[in-house]
Amino acid sequence: MEKKPTLIDSGQAFEQTGLVHRVLTPEGTGPFPTVLMIHGRLGNEDVMWIFARTIPANWQIISVRAIFSEEDGYSWNEPLGRFPTLDEMDDAVTAVTHFIKTAPDIYPIDRSQIYMMGFSQGAATAYSTAIKQADLVKGIAGLVGFLPEAPDELIATAPLQNLPIFMAVGEKDDTIPLEVARRSGELLRAAGAWLEYREYATGHKLNGQGMRKLQSWWEEASQY
């Protein structure tokens, strides 16, 4: 029988990490390489598991719920009617940073092999967290997302120096326009990231080609 991710919405693990989440731990004692999955606007801790099959089977996977309740889901920042700036992601960055720093006290996480995978607003959250918290994670998979506007002087300090990032972009994306995604890729490189940027003939989603590349990227990431 296939193992299912466990919902954590109360108790010590929830109180200590501060976020509702689901966790899927492989067989064995660990510590395990771990991917923190970060959903997009109006999502929850359940919607990212379609991407879990791209992750190596012997890795631990944790999917977190965002901090603001909005309509029928949850978001990482309150509605703005525009793309947020880096500073406007501070609440999300604080929450994700706290989770990453406290979760290894609860789960068998290899602290030297923690990754983030974000979709759309979740990718923005992952990028923002890495820019503001250098050396927090070993790599990021950003799916149809964007980099919030950041000061030029901060980008110039190369806060993402040599951080492996896979950025998947939809050429027909109506949510994150192609020019926004391309500019985000340029800024991630300027910030020092070791960026693998790919555009796919799709909208605000990852198509089969993108899923296959994501899987191979995880396999490559495990060798870094």
N, C-alpha and C. Protein backbone atom coordinates (compact mmCIF):
# COMPACT_ATOMS: atom_id res chain seq x y z
N MET A 1 0.84 -1.20 0.00
CA MET A 1 0.00 0.00 0.00
C MET A 1 0.88 1.25 0.00
N GLU A 2 0.56 2.20 -0.88
CA GLU A 2 1.36 3.41 -0.99
C GLU A 2 1.22 4.27 0.25
N LYS A 3 2.34 4.74 0.75
CA LYS A 3 2.35 5.58 1.94
C LYS A 3 1.80 6.96 1.60
N LYS A 4 0.97 7.52 2.47
CA LYS A 4 0.35 8.82 2.25
C LYS A 4 0.97 9.87 3.17
N PRO A 5 1.04 11.10 2.70
CA PRO A 5 1.58 12.16 3.56
C PRO A 5 0.65 12.43 4.74
N THR A 6 1.25 12.69 5.88
CA THR A 6 0.51 12.91 7.13
C THR A 6 0.24 14.40 7.33
N LEU A 7 -1.01 14.73 7.65
CA LEU A 7 -1.39 16.11 7.92
C LEU A 7 -1.01 16.48 9.36
N ILE A 8 -0.34 17.61 9.48
CA ILE A 8 0.04 18.14 10.80
C ILE A 8 -0.61 19.51 10.95
N ASP A 9 -1.70 19.58 11.70
CA ASP A 9 -2.39 20.85 11.91
C ASP A 9 -2.63 21.14 13.39
N SER A 10 -1.99 20.37 14.26
CA SER A 10 -2.09 20.59 15.70
C SER A 10 -0.93 19.84 16.36
N GLY A 11 -0.78 20.03 17.65
CA GLY A 11 0.25 19.31 18.38
C GLY A 11 1.61 20.00 18.33
N GLN A 12 2.62 19.31 18.86
CA GLN A 12 3.95 19.89 19.02
C GLN A 12 4.58 20.30 17.70
N ALA A 13 4.48 19.45 16.67
CA ALA A 13 5.12 19.75 15.39
C ALA A 13 4.53 21.02 14.77
N PHE A 14 3.22 21.18 14.89
CA PHE A 14 2.58 22.39 14.37
C PHE A 14 2.97 23.61 15.20
N GLU A 15 2.92 23.47 16.50
CA GLU A 15 3.23 24.61 17.36
C GLU A 15 4.69 25.06 17.21
N GLN A 16 5.59 24.10 17.03
CA GLN A 16 7.00 24.43 16.94
C GLN A 16 7.37 25.05 15.59
N THR A 17 6.79 24.52 14.52
CA THR A 17 7.14 25.03 13.18
C THR A 17 6.28 26.22 12.76
N GLY A 18 5.07 26.30 13.28
CA GLY A 18 4.21 27.45 13.01
C GLY A 18 3.36 27.36 11.76
N LEU A 19 3.49 26.29 10.98
CA LEU A 19 2.72 26.17 9.74
C LEU A 19 2.03 24.81 9.68
N VAL A 20 0.77 24.81 9.23
CA VAL A 20 0.10 23.57 8.90
C VAL A 20 0.87 22.93 7.74
N HIS A 21 1.07 21.63 7.78
CA HIS A 21 1.84 20.99 6.72
C HIS A 21 1.50 19.51 6.62
N ARG A 22 1.89 18.93 5.51
CA ARG A 22 1.86 17.48 5.33
C ARG A 22 3.30 17.01 5.15
N VAL A 23 3.59 15.84 5.69
CA VAL A 23 4.95 15.31 5.62
C VAL A 23 4.91 13.86 5.16
N LEU A 24 5.84 13.53 4.27
CA LEU A 24 5.99 12.17 3.78
C LEU A 24 7.44 11.77 3.98
N THR A 25 7.67 10.83 4.88
CA THR A 25 9.02 10.40 5.24
C THR A 25 9.28 9.02 4.66
N PRO A 26 10.40 8.81 3.96
CA PRO A 26 10.68 7.50 3.40
C PRO A 26 11.04 6.48 4.48
N GLU A 27 11.12 5.23 4.08
CA GLU A 27 11.53 4.19 5.02
C GLU A 27 12.99 4.41 5.40
N GLY A 28 13.34 4.04 6.62
CA GLY A 28 14.71 4.20 7.09
C GLY A 28 14.78 5.18 8.24
N THR A 29 15.99 5.41 8.71
CA THR A 29 16.18 6.24 9.89
C THR A 29 16.60 7.67 9.57
N GLY A 30 17.10 7.89 8.37
CA GLY A 30 17.53 9.23 8.01
C GLY A 30 18.88 9.57 8.63
N PRO A 31 19.28 10.84 8.61
CA PRO A 31 18.52 11.98 8.08
C PRO A 31 18.43 11.95 6.55
N PHE A 32 17.35 12.56 6.01
CA PHE A 32 17.07 12.49 4.60
C PHE A 32 17.21 13.87 3.94
N PRO A 33 17.66 13.89 2.67
CA PRO A 33 17.47 15.12 1.89
C PRO A 33 15.98 15.44 1.89
N THR A 34 15.64 16.72 1.99
CA THR A 34 14.23 17.10 2.17
C THR A 34 13.85 18.25 1.25
N VAL A 35 12.68 18.13 0.64
CA VAL A 35 12.14 19.19 -0.21
C VAL A 35 10.95 19.82 0.49
N LEU A 36 10.99 21.13 0.65
CA LEU A 36 9.86 21.89 1.18
C LEU A 36 9.06 22.41 0.00
N MET A 37 7.83 21.93 -0.18
CA MET A 37 6.98 22.35 -1.29
C MET A 37 6.11 23.53 -0.84
N ILE A 38 6.09 24.58 -1.67
CA ILE A 38 5.42 25.83 -1.31
C ILE A 38 4.40 26.17 -2.40
N HIS A 39 3.14 26.08 -2.07
CA HIS A 39 2.08 26.26 -3.06
C HIS A 39 1.90 27.72 -3.45
N GLY A 40 1.11 27.94 -4.50
CA GLY A 40 0.83 29.28 -4.98
C GLY A 40 -0.41 29.89 -4.35
N ARG A 41 -0.82 31.04 -4.86
CA ARG A 41 -1.98 31.76 -4.32
C ARG A 41 -3.24 30.90 -4.40
N LEU A 42 -4.00 30.91 -3.32
CA LEU A 42 -5.27 30.19 -3.18
C LEU A 42 -5.09 28.67 -3.15
N GLY A 43 -3.89 28.23 -2.87
CA GLY A 43 -3.63 26.79 -2.72
C GLY A 43 -3.67 26.36 -1.27
N ASN A 44 -3.16 25.17 -1.02
CA ASN A 44 -3.02 24.66 0.34
C ASN A 44 -1.95 23.57 0.34
N GLU A 45 -1.82 22.89 1.46
CA GLU A 45 -0.78 21.88 1.62
C GLU A 45 -1.01 20.62 0.79
N ASP A 46 -2.15 20.54 0.09
CA ASP A 46 -2.48 19.35 -0.70
C ASP A 46 -2.16 19.47 -2.18
N VAL A 47 -2.03 20.69 -2.71
CA VAL A 47 -2.04 20.86 -4.16
C VAL A 47 -0.70 20.61 -4.84
N MET A 48 0.38 20.53 -4.09
CA MET A 48 1.70 20.38 -4.70
C MET A 48 2.13 18.94 -4.91
N TRP A 49 1.33 18.00 -4.44
CA TRP A 49 1.79 16.62 -4.45
C TRP A 49 1.88 16.03 -5.86
N ILE A 50 1.27 16.67 -6.84
CA ILE A 50 1.42 16.21 -8.22
C ILE A 50 2.89 16.26 -8.65
N PHE A 51 3.67 17.15 -8.04
CA PHE A 51 5.10 17.28 -8.37
C PHE A 51 5.99 16.35 -7.56
N ALA A 52 5.41 15.71 -6.55
CA ALA A 52 6.21 14.87 -5.65
C ALA A 52 6.83 13.68 -6.38
N ARG A 53 6.16 13.21 -7.44
CA ARG A 53 6.68 12.04 -8.14
C ARG A 53 7.98 12.33 -8.89
N THR A 54 8.34 13.59 -9.03
CA THR A 54 9.61 13.93 -9.68
C THR A 54 10.78 13.85 -8.71
N ILE A 55 10.50 13.78 -7.42
CA ILE A 55 11.53 13.83 -6.38
C ILE A 55 12.03 12.42 -6.08
N PRO A 56 13.32 12.22 -5.85
CA PRO A 56 13.83 10.89 -5.55
C PRO A 56 13.05 10.22 -4.41
N ALA A 57 12.82 8.91 -4.55
CA ALA A 57 11.95 8.18 -3.62
C ALA A 57 12.50 8.14 -2.20
N ASN A 58 13.81 8.28 -2.06
CA ASN A 58 14.41 8.21 -0.72
C ASN A 58 14.60 9.57 -0.09
N TRP A 59 13.91 10.58 -0.62
CA TRP A 59 13.94 11.91 -0.02
C TRP A 59 12.66 12.14 0.78
N GLN A 60 12.76 13.00 1.78
CA GLN A 60 11.58 13.40 2.56
C GLN A 60 10.94 14.62 1.89
N ILE A 61 9.61 14.67 1.94
CA ILE A 61 8.88 15.76 1.31
C ILE A 61 7.93 16.38 2.34
N ILE A 62 7.95 17.69 2.43
CA ILE A 62 7.04 18.41 3.32
C ILE A 62 6.36 19.51 2.52
N SER A 63 5.05 19.59 2.60
CA SER A 63 4.28 20.61 1.90
C SER A 63 3.59 21.50 2.94
N VAL A 64 3.84 22.81 2.86
CA VAL A 64 3.33 23.73 3.88
C VAL A 64 2.14 24.53 3.37
N ARG A 65 1.30 24.96 4.31
CA ARG A 65 0.15 25.82 4.01
C ARG A 65 0.54 27.28 4.23
N ALA A 66 0.12 28.15 3.33
CA ALA A 66 0.45 29.57 3.42
C ALA A 66 -0.23 30.24 4.62
N ILE A 67 0.14 31.47 4.87
CA ILE A 67 -0.17 32.13 6.13
C ILE A 67 -1.42 33.00 6.10
N PHE A 68 -1.91 33.38 4.91
CA PHE A 68 -3.10 34.22 4.83
C PHE A 68 -4.26 33.44 4.23
N SER A 69 -5.40 33.46 4.91
CA SER A 69 -6.60 32.82 4.38
C SER A 69 -7.27 33.78 3.40
N GLU A 70 -7.56 33.27 2.20
CA GLU A 70 -8.11 34.13 1.16
C GLU A 70 -9.08 33.32 0.30
N GLU A 71 -10.34 33.75 0.24
CA GLU A 71 -11.36 33.05 -0.54
C GLU A 71 -11.40 31.58 -0.12
N ASP A 72 -11.15 30.67 -1.07
CA ASP A 72 -11.23 29.25 -0.75
C ASP A 72 -9.86 28.61 -0.57
N GLY A 73 -8.84 29.42 -0.31
CA GLY A 73 -7.50 28.87 -0.16
C GLY A 73 -6.64 29.76 0.71
N TYR A 74 -5.34 29.63 0.51
CA TYR A 74 -4.37 30.34 1.34
C TYR A 74 -3.30 30.96 0.45
N SER A 75 -2.78 32.10 0.89
CA SER A 75 -1.78 32.83 0.10
C SER A 75 -0.64 33.29 1.00
N TRP A 76 0.49 33.62 0.35
CA TRP A 76 1.69 34.01 1.09
C TRP A 76 1.78 35.50 1.35
N ASN A 77 0.97 36.29 0.66
CA ASN A 77 0.84 37.71 1.01
C ASN A 77 -0.60 38.14 0.73
N GLU A 78 -1.00 39.21 1.38
CA GLU A 78 -2.36 39.69 1.20
C GLU A 78 -2.53 40.28 -0.20
N PRO A 79 -3.76 40.27 -0.73
CA PRO A 79 -3.99 40.74 -2.11
C PRO A 79 -3.49 42.17 -2.32
N LEU A 80 -2.76 42.37 -3.41
CA LEU A 80 -2.21 43.69 -3.71
C LEU A 80 -2.71 44.24 -5.04
N GLY A 81 -3.17 43.36 -5.92
CA GLY A 81 -3.57 43.79 -7.25
C GLY A 81 -2.39 44.00 -8.18
N ARG A 82 -1.20 43.58 -7.75
CA ARG A 82 0.03 43.70 -8.54
C ARG A 82 1.05 42.72 -7.96
N PHE A 83 2.19 42.62 -8.64
CA PHE A 83 3.25 41.76 -8.11
C PHE A 83 3.88 42.42 -6.88
N PRO A 84 4.15 41.65 -5.83
CA PRO A 84 4.73 42.23 -4.61
C PRO A 84 6.21 42.56 -4.78
N THR A 85 6.67 43.47 -3.96
CA THR A 85 8.10 43.73 -3.85
C THR A 85 8.72 42.73 -2.89
N LEU A 86 10.03 42.69 -2.86
CA LEU A 86 10.72 41.78 -1.96
C LEU A 86 10.34 42.05 -0.51
N ASP A 87 10.30 43.31 -0.11
CA ASP A 87 9.97 43.63 1.28
C ASP A 87 8.53 43.24 1.62
N GLU A 88 7.65 43.24 0.64
CA GLU A 88 6.26 42.84 0.90
C GLU A 88 6.11 41.33 1.06
N MET A 89 7.19 40.60 0.86
CA MET A 89 7.20 39.16 1.10
C MET A 89 7.75 38.81 2.49
N ASP A 90 7.99 39.83 3.32
CA ASP A 90 8.67 39.59 4.59
C ASP A 90 7.92 38.62 5.50
N ASP A 91 6.59 38.71 5.56
CA ASP A 91 5.83 37.80 6.43
C ASP A 91 6.00 36.36 5.96
N ALA A 92 5.95 36.15 4.65
CA ALA A 92 6.13 34.82 4.09
C ALA A 92 7.55 34.31 4.36
N VAL A 93 8.54 35.18 4.14
CA VAL A 93 9.94 34.80 4.38
C VAL A 93 10.15 34.41 5.83
N THR A 94 9.59 35.19 6.74
CA THR A 94 9.73 34.88 8.17
C THR A 94 9.14 33.52 8.50
N ALA A 95 7.95 33.24 7.96
CA ALA A 95 7.28 31.97 8.25
C ALA A 95 8.05 30.78 7.69
N VAL A 96 8.50 30.89 6.44
CA VAL A 96 9.23 29.78 5.81
C VAL A 96 10.59 29.59 6.47
N THR A 97 11.27 30.68 6.78
CA THR A 97 12.57 30.58 7.46
C THR A 97 12.44 29.89 8.80
N HIS A 98 11.44 30.28 9.57
CA HIS A 98 11.21 29.65 10.87
C HIS A 98 10.94 28.15 10.71
N PHE A 99 10.14 27.81 9.70
CA PHE A 99 9.83 26.40 9.48
C PHE A 99 11.10 25.61 9.16
N ILE A 100 11.91 26.13 8.25
CA ILE A 100 13.12 25.41 7.84
C ILE A 100 14.09 25.26 9.01
N LYS A 101 14.15 26.25 9.86
CA LYS A 101 15.09 26.19 10.98
C LYS A 101 14.61 25.29 12.12
N THR A 102 13.30 25.12 12.26
CA THR A 102 12.77 24.32 13.38
C THR A 102 12.41 22.89 12.99
N ALA A 103 12.04 22.66 11.74
CA ALA A 103 11.59 21.33 11.32
C ALA A 103 12.63 20.23 11.56
N PRO A 104 13.95 20.49 11.39
CA PRO A 104 14.92 19.42 11.65
C PRO A 104 14.98 18.95 13.10
N ASP A 105 14.41 19.72 14.02
CA ASP A 105 14.33 19.28 15.41
C ASP A 105 13.21 18.25 15.61
N ILE A 106 12.34 18.12 14.60
CA ILE A 106 11.18 17.24 14.70
C ILE A 106 11.27 16.07 13.73
N TYR A 107 11.73 16.36 12.53
CA TYR A 107 11.78 15.35 11.47
C TYR A 107 13.23 15.00 11.12
N PRO A 108 13.44 13.80 10.56
CA PRO A 108 14.81 13.36 10.22
C PRO A 108 15.31 14.04 8.94
N ILE A 109 15.59 15.31 9.04
CA ILE A 109 16.01 16.13 7.91
C ILE A 109 17.53 16.30 7.92
N ASP A 110 18.14 16.08 6.78
CA ASP A 110 19.56 16.38 6.62
C ASP A 110 19.67 17.90 6.43
N ARG A 111 20.16 18.58 7.43
CA ARG A 111 20.21 20.05 7.39
C ARG A 111 21.06 20.58 6.23
N SER A 112 21.97 19.78 5.73
CA SER A 112 22.83 20.21 4.64
C SER A 112 22.20 19.97 3.27
N GLN A 113 21.01 19.33 3.25
CA GLN A 113 20.35 19.03 1.99
C GLN A 113 18.85 19.36 2.08
N ILE A 114 18.57 20.64 2.30
CA ILE A 114 17.19 21.13 2.32
C ILE A 114 16.97 21.95 1.04
N TYR A 115 15.89 21.64 0.34
CA TYR A 115 15.56 22.31 -0.91
C TYR A 115 14.16 22.91 -0.80
N MET A 116 13.87 23.91 -1.64
CA MET A 116 12.52 24.44 -1.76
C MET A 116 12.03 24.23 -3.18
N MET A 117 10.74 23.91 -3.32
CA MET A 117 10.09 23.87 -4.62
C MET A 117 8.80 24.67 -4.52
N GLY A 118 8.72 25.76 -5.28
CA GLY A 118 7.56 26.63 -5.21
C GLY A 118 6.86 26.76 -6.54
N PHE A 119 5.55 26.92 -6.49
CA PHE A 119 4.73 27.12 -7.69
C PHE A 119 4.16 28.53 -7.65
N SER A 120 4.39 29.32 -8.71
CA SER A 120 3.82 30.65 -8.85
C SER A 120 4.19 31.54 -7.67
N GLN A 121 3.23 31.96 -6.86
CA GLN A 121 3.53 32.78 -5.68
C GLN A 121 4.44 32.02 -4.72
N GLY A 122 4.34 30.69 -4.73
CA GLY A 122 5.22 29.88 -3.90
C GLY A 122 6.67 29.95 -4.38
N ALA A 123 6.87 30.05 -5.71
CA ALA A 123 8.23 30.24 -6.22
C ALA A 123 8.76 31.60 -5.79
N ALA A 124 7.91 32.63 -5.85
CA ALA A 124 8.31 33.95 -5.38
C ALA A 124 8.72 33.91 -3.91
N THR A 125 7.98 33.14 -3.12
CA THR A 125 8.30 32.99 -1.71
C THR A 125 9.64 32.30 -1.53
N ALA A 126 9.89 31.26 -2.32
CA ALA A 126 11.16 30.55 -2.23
C ALA A 126 12.33 31.45 -2.61
N TYR A 127 12.21 32.16 -3.72
CA TYR A 127 13.29 33.06 -4.14
C TYR A 127 13.54 34.14 -3.08
N SER A 128 12.46 34.72 -2.57
CA SER A 128 12.59 35.79 -1.57
C SER A 128 13.27 35.28 -0.31
N THR A 129 12.90 34.08 0.11
CA THR A 129 13.49 33.49 1.31
C THR A 129 14.99 33.29 1.12
N ALA A 130 15.37 32.76 -0.04
CA ALA A 130 16.79 32.51 -0.29
C ALA A 130 17.58 33.81 -0.37
N ILE A 131 17.02 34.84 -0.99
CA ILE A 131 17.72 36.12 -1.11
C ILE A 131 17.95 36.74 0.27
N LYS A 132 16.96 36.60 1.15
CA LYS A 132 17.07 37.24 2.46
C LYS A 132 17.75 36.35 3.50
N GLN A 133 17.85 35.05 3.20
CA GLN A 133 18.46 34.11 4.15
C GLN A 133 19.49 33.26 3.41
N ALA A 134 20.64 33.83 3.17
CA ALA A 134 21.69 33.13 2.44
C ALA A 134 22.07 31.82 3.14
N ASP A 135 22.33 30.80 2.34
CA ASP A 135 22.78 29.49 2.83
C ASP A 135 21.71 28.71 3.58
N LEU A 136 20.45 29.13 3.46
CA LEU A 136 19.38 28.42 4.15
C LEU A 136 19.06 27.10 3.48
N VAL A 137 19.13 27.07 2.14
CA VAL A 137 18.80 25.86 1.40
C VAL A 137 19.87 25.56 0.36
N LYS A 138 19.82 24.34 -0.18
CA LYS A 138 20.83 23.89 -1.13
C LYS A 138 20.41 24.10 -2.58
N GLY A 139 19.14 24.35 -2.82
CA GLY A 139 18.66 24.56 -4.18
C GLY A 139 17.18 24.86 -4.20
N ILE A 140 16.71 25.39 -5.34
CA ILE A 140 15.31 25.78 -5.49
C ILE A 140 14.81 25.34 -6.86
N ALA A 141 13.63 24.75 -6.89
CA ALA A 141 12.90 24.54 -8.14
C ALA A 141 11.74 25.53 -8.15
N GLY A 142 11.78 26.48 -9.09
CA GLY A 142 10.74 27.50 -9.18
C GLY A 142 9.89 27.24 -10.42
N LEU A 143 8.62 26.96 -10.20
CA LEU A 143 7.72 26.58 -11.29
C LEU A 143 6.76 27.72 -11.60
N VAL A 144 6.77 28.20 -12.83
CA VAL A 144 5.95 29.31 -13.34
C VAL A 144 5.78 30.41 -12.30
N GLY A 145 6.91 30.88 -11.78
CA GLY A 145 6.89 31.92 -10.76
C GLY A 145 7.62 33.18 -11.19
N PHE A 146 7.98 33.99 -10.22
CA PHE A 146 8.63 35.28 -10.50
C PHE A 146 9.44 35.68 -9.29
N LEU A 147 10.38 36.57 -9.53
CA LEU A 147 11.16 37.15 -8.44
C LEU A 147 10.58 38.52 -8.10
N PRO A 148 10.13 38.72 -6.85
CA PRO A 148 9.63 40.04 -6.47
C PRO A 148 10.70 41.12 -6.69
N GLU A 149 10.23 42.32 -6.97
CA GLU A 149 11.14 43.43 -7.21
C GLU A 149 12.07 43.63 -6.02
N ALA A 150 13.37 43.66 -6.30
CA ALA A 150 14.37 43.80 -5.24
C ALA A 150 15.29 44.97 -5.57
N PRO A 151 15.84 45.62 -4.55
CA PRO A 151 16.75 46.76 -4.79
C PRO A 151 17.97 46.32 -5.60
N ASP A 152 18.41 47.16 -6.53
CA ASP A 152 19.58 46.85 -7.34
C ASP A 152 20.81 46.59 -6.48
N GLU A 153 20.93 47.36 -5.41
CA GLU A 153 22.12 47.20 -4.56
C GLU A 153 22.13 45.85 -3.86
N LEU A 154 20.96 45.30 -3.58
CA LEU A 154 20.91 43.97 -2.97
C LEU A 154 21.28 42.90 -3.99
N ILE A 155 20.72 42.99 -5.19
CA ILE A 155 21.07 42.03 -6.25
C ILE A 155 22.57 42.06 -6.52
N ALA A 156 23.15 43.25 -6.47
CA ALA A 156 24.58 43.40 -6.76
C ALA A 156 25.48 42.70 -5.75
N THR A 157 24.96 42.41 -4.57
CA THR A 157 25.76 41.69 -3.56
C THR A 157 25.80 40.19 -3.82
N ALA A 158 25.10 39.72 -4.88
CA ALA A 158 25.06 38.30 -5.25
C ALA A 158 24.64 37.41 -4.08
N PRO A 159 23.45 37.67 -3.49
CA PRO A 159 23.01 36.89 -2.34
C PRO A 159 22.73 35.42 -2.66
N LEU A 160 22.57 35.09 -3.94
CA LEU A 160 22.29 33.70 -4.33
C LEU A 160 23.53 33.03 -4.93
N GLN A 161 24.69 33.49 -4.56
CA GLN A 161 25.93 33.03 -5.17
C GLN A 161 26.02 31.50 -5.26
N ASN A 162 26.04 30.99 -6.49
CA ASN A 162 26.21 29.55 -6.79
C ASN A 162 25.07 28.67 -6.28
N LEU A 163 23.91 29.27 -5.97
CA LEU A 163 22.76 28.46 -5.55
C LEU A 163 22.10 27.86 -6.79
N PRO A 164 21.99 26.52 -6.87
CA PRO A 164 21.32 25.90 -8.02
C PRO A 164 19.82 26.22 -8.02
N ILE A 165 19.34 26.74 -9.14
CA ILE A 165 17.92 27.04 -9.30
C ILE A 165 17.45 26.51 -10.65
N PHE A 166 16.34 25.78 -10.64
CA PHE A 166 15.66 25.40 -11.87
C PHE A 166 14.43 26.29 -12.00
N MET A 167 14.33 27.03 -13.09
CA MET A 167 13.20 27.93 -13.31
C MET A 167 12.44 27.50 -14.55
N ALA A 168 11.22 27.03 -14.37
CA ALA A 168 10.36 26.61 -15.47
C ALA A 168 9.34 27.70 -15.75
N VAL A 169 9.22 28.07 -17.02
CA VAL A 169 8.38 29.20 -17.43
C VAL A 169 7.40 28.75 -18.51
N GLY A 170 6.16 29.24 -18.44
CA GLY A 170 5.17 28.96 -19.47
C GLY A 170 5.13 30.08 -20.50
N GLU A 171 5.39 29.76 -21.76
CA GLU A 171 5.41 30.79 -22.80
C GLU A 171 4.05 31.44 -22.99
N LYS A 172 2.96 30.72 -22.65
CA LYS A 172 1.60 31.23 -22.84
C LYS A 172 0.93 31.54 -21.51
N ASP A 173 1.73 31.81 -20.51
CA ASP A 173 1.22 32.04 -19.15
C ASP A 173 0.52 33.40 -19.06
N ASP A 174 -0.76 33.39 -18.71
CA ASP A 174 -1.52 34.63 -18.54
C ASP A 174 -1.40 35.19 -17.13
N THR A 175 -0.89 34.39 -16.20
CA THR A 175 -0.76 34.82 -14.81
C THR A 175 0.58 35.48 -14.55
N ILE A 176 1.64 34.84 -15.02
CA ILE A 176 2.99 35.40 -14.93
C ILE A 176 3.45 35.64 -16.37
N PRO A 177 3.28 36.85 -16.89
CA PRO A 177 3.65 37.12 -18.29
C PRO A 177 5.09 36.74 -18.59
N LEU A 178 5.33 36.33 -19.82
CA LEU A 178 6.64 35.86 -20.21
C LEU A 178 7.73 36.90 -19.95
N GLU A 179 7.41 38.18 -20.18
CA GLU A 179 8.43 39.20 -19.97
C GLU A 179 8.79 39.34 -18.49
N VAL A 180 7.81 39.10 -17.61
CA VAL A 180 8.08 39.12 -16.16
C VAL A 180 8.97 37.95 -15.78
N ALA A 181 8.66 36.78 -16.31
CA ALA A 181 9.46 35.59 -16.02
C ALA A 181 10.89 35.75 -16.53
N ARG A 182 11.01 36.25 -17.75
CA ARG A 182 12.35 36.41 -18.32
C ARG A 182 13.17 37.41 -17.51
N ARG A 183 12.55 38.51 -17.10
CA ARG A 183 13.24 39.49 -16.27
C ARG A 183 13.64 38.87 -14.94
N SER A 184 12.78 38.05 -14.38
CA SER A 184 13.10 37.37 -13.12
C SER A 184 14.32 36.48 -13.29
N GLY A 185 14.38 35.76 -14.41
CA GLY A 185 15.54 34.91 -14.67
C GLY A 185 16.83 35.71 -14.75
N GLU A 186 16.76 36.86 -15.42
CA GLU A 186 17.93 37.73 -15.53
C GLU A 186 18.40 38.19 -14.14
N LEU A 187 17.44 38.55 -13.29
CA LEU A 187 17.79 39.03 -11.96
C LEU A 187 18.34 37.91 -11.08
N LEU A 188 17.80 36.71 -11.22
CA LEU A 188 18.33 35.58 -10.45
C LEU A 188 19.79 35.31 -10.83
N ARG A 189 20.08 35.39 -12.12
CA ARG A 189 21.47 35.22 -12.55
C ARG A 189 22.34 36.36 -12.01
N ALA A 190 21.82 37.58 -12.08
CA ALA A 190 22.57 38.73 -11.57
C ALA A 190 22.83 38.61 -10.08
N ALA A 191 21.91 37.92 -9.38
CA ALA A 191 22.07 37.72 -7.94
C ALA A 191 23.02 36.55 -7.63
N GLY A 192 23.58 35.95 -8.69
CA GLY A 192 24.60 34.93 -8.48
C GLY A 192 24.14 33.50 -8.59
N ALA A 193 22.84 33.28 -8.87
CA ALA A 193 22.32 31.91 -8.92
C ALA A 193 22.93 31.12 -10.07
N TRP A 194 23.07 29.84 -9.84
CA TRP A 194 23.45 28.89 -10.89
C TRP A 194 22.14 28.43 -11.51
N LEU A 195 21.67 29.19 -12.50
CA LEU A 195 20.29 29.08 -12.98
C LEU A 195 20.18 28.19 -14.21
N GLU A 196 19.23 27.27 -14.15
CA GLU A 196 18.81 26.53 -15.34
C GLU A 196 17.42 27.02 -15.68
N TYR A 197 17.32 27.81 -16.74
CA TYR A 197 16.08 28.47 -17.14
C TYR A 197 15.50 27.76 -18.35
N ARG A 198 14.23 27.35 -18.26
CA ARG A 198 13.59 26.65 -19.37
C ARG A 198 12.20 27.24 -19.63
N GLU A 199 11.90 27.48 -20.91
CA GLU A 199 10.57 27.92 -21.31
C GLU A 199 9.86 26.76 -22.00
N TYR A 200 8.56 26.63 -21.69
CA TYR A 200 7.77 25.55 -22.26
C TYR A 200 6.51 26.12 -22.92
N ALA A 201 6.05 25.43 -23.96
CA ALA A 201 4.88 25.89 -24.73
C ALA A 201 3.60 25.53 -23.98
N THR A 202 3.38 26.23 -22.89
CA THR A 202 2.22 25.96 -22.05
C THR A 202 1.82 27.23 -21.31
N GLY A 203 0.73 27.15 -20.53
CA GLY A 203 0.27 28.29 -19.75
C GLY A 203 0.82 28.26 -18.34
N HIS A 204 -0.06 28.55 -17.37
CA HIS A 204 0.36 28.64 -15.97
C HIS A 204 0.35 27.24 -15.34
N LYS A 205 1.23 26.42 -15.84
CA LYS A 205 1.35 25.04 -15.36
C LYS A 205 2.65 24.45 -15.89
N LEU A 206 2.95 23.25 -15.48
CA LEU A 206 4.11 22.54 -15.99
C LEU A 206 3.61 21.40 -16.88
N ASN A 207 4.08 21.38 -18.13
CA ASN A 207 3.65 20.31 -19.03
C ASN A 207 4.54 19.08 -18.87
N GLY A 208 4.28 18.06 -19.68
CA GLY A 208 5.02 16.82 -19.55
C GLY A 208 6.51 16.99 -19.73
N GLN A 209 6.89 17.82 -20.70
CA GLN A 209 8.31 18.08 -20.92
C GLN A 209 8.94 18.72 -19.70
N GLY A 210 8.22 19.66 -19.10
CA GLY A 210 8.72 20.31 -17.90
C GLY A 210 8.83 19.36 -16.73
N MET A 211 7.86 18.46 -16.59
CA MET A 211 7.90 17.49 -15.50
C MET A 211 9.11 16.56 -15.64
N ARG A 212 9.39 16.15 -16.87
CA ARG A 212 10.54 15.27 -17.08
C ARG A 212 11.85 16.00 -16.75
N LYS A 213 11.93 17.26 -17.14
CA LYS A 213 13.13 18.03 -16.82
C LYS A 213 13.25 18.25 -15.32
N LEU A 214 12.15 18.51 -14.66
CA LEU A 214 12.17 18.69 -13.21
C LEU A 214 12.70 17.43 -12.53
N GLN A 215 12.25 16.27 -12.99
CA GLN A 215 12.73 15.03 -12.40
C GLN A 215 14.23 14.86 -12.59
N SER A 216 14.72 15.15 -13.78
CA SER A 216 16.16 15.01 -14.01
C SER A 216 16.95 16.06 -13.22
N TRP A 217 16.34 17.23 -13.00
CA TRP A 217 17.03 18.26 -12.20
C TRP A 217 17.21 17.80 -10.76
N TRP A 218 16.20 17.17 -10.21
CA TRP A 218 16.35 16.64 -8.85
C TRP A 218 17.46 15.59 -8.79
N GLU A 219 17.54 14.75 -9.79
CA GLU A 219 18.59 13.74 -9.82
C GLU A 219 19.96 14.39 -9.89
N GLU A 220 20.06 15.46 -10.68
CA GLU A 220 21.32 16.20 -10.76
C GLU A 220 21.63 16.91 -9.44
N ALA A 221 20.60 17.46 -8.82
CA ALA A 221 20.77 18.20 -7.56
C ALA A 221 21.35 17.29 -6.48
N SER A 222 20.98 16.03 -6.50
CA SER A 222 21.46 15.12 -5.46
C SER A 222 22.96 14.86 -5.59
N GLN A 223 23.53 15.23 -6.74
CA GLN A 223 24.98 15.04 -6.95
C GLN A 223 25.80 16.26 -6.58
N TYR A 224 25.15 17.40 -6.30
CA TYR A 224 25.90 18.63 -6.00
C TYR A 224 26.62 18.52 -4.68
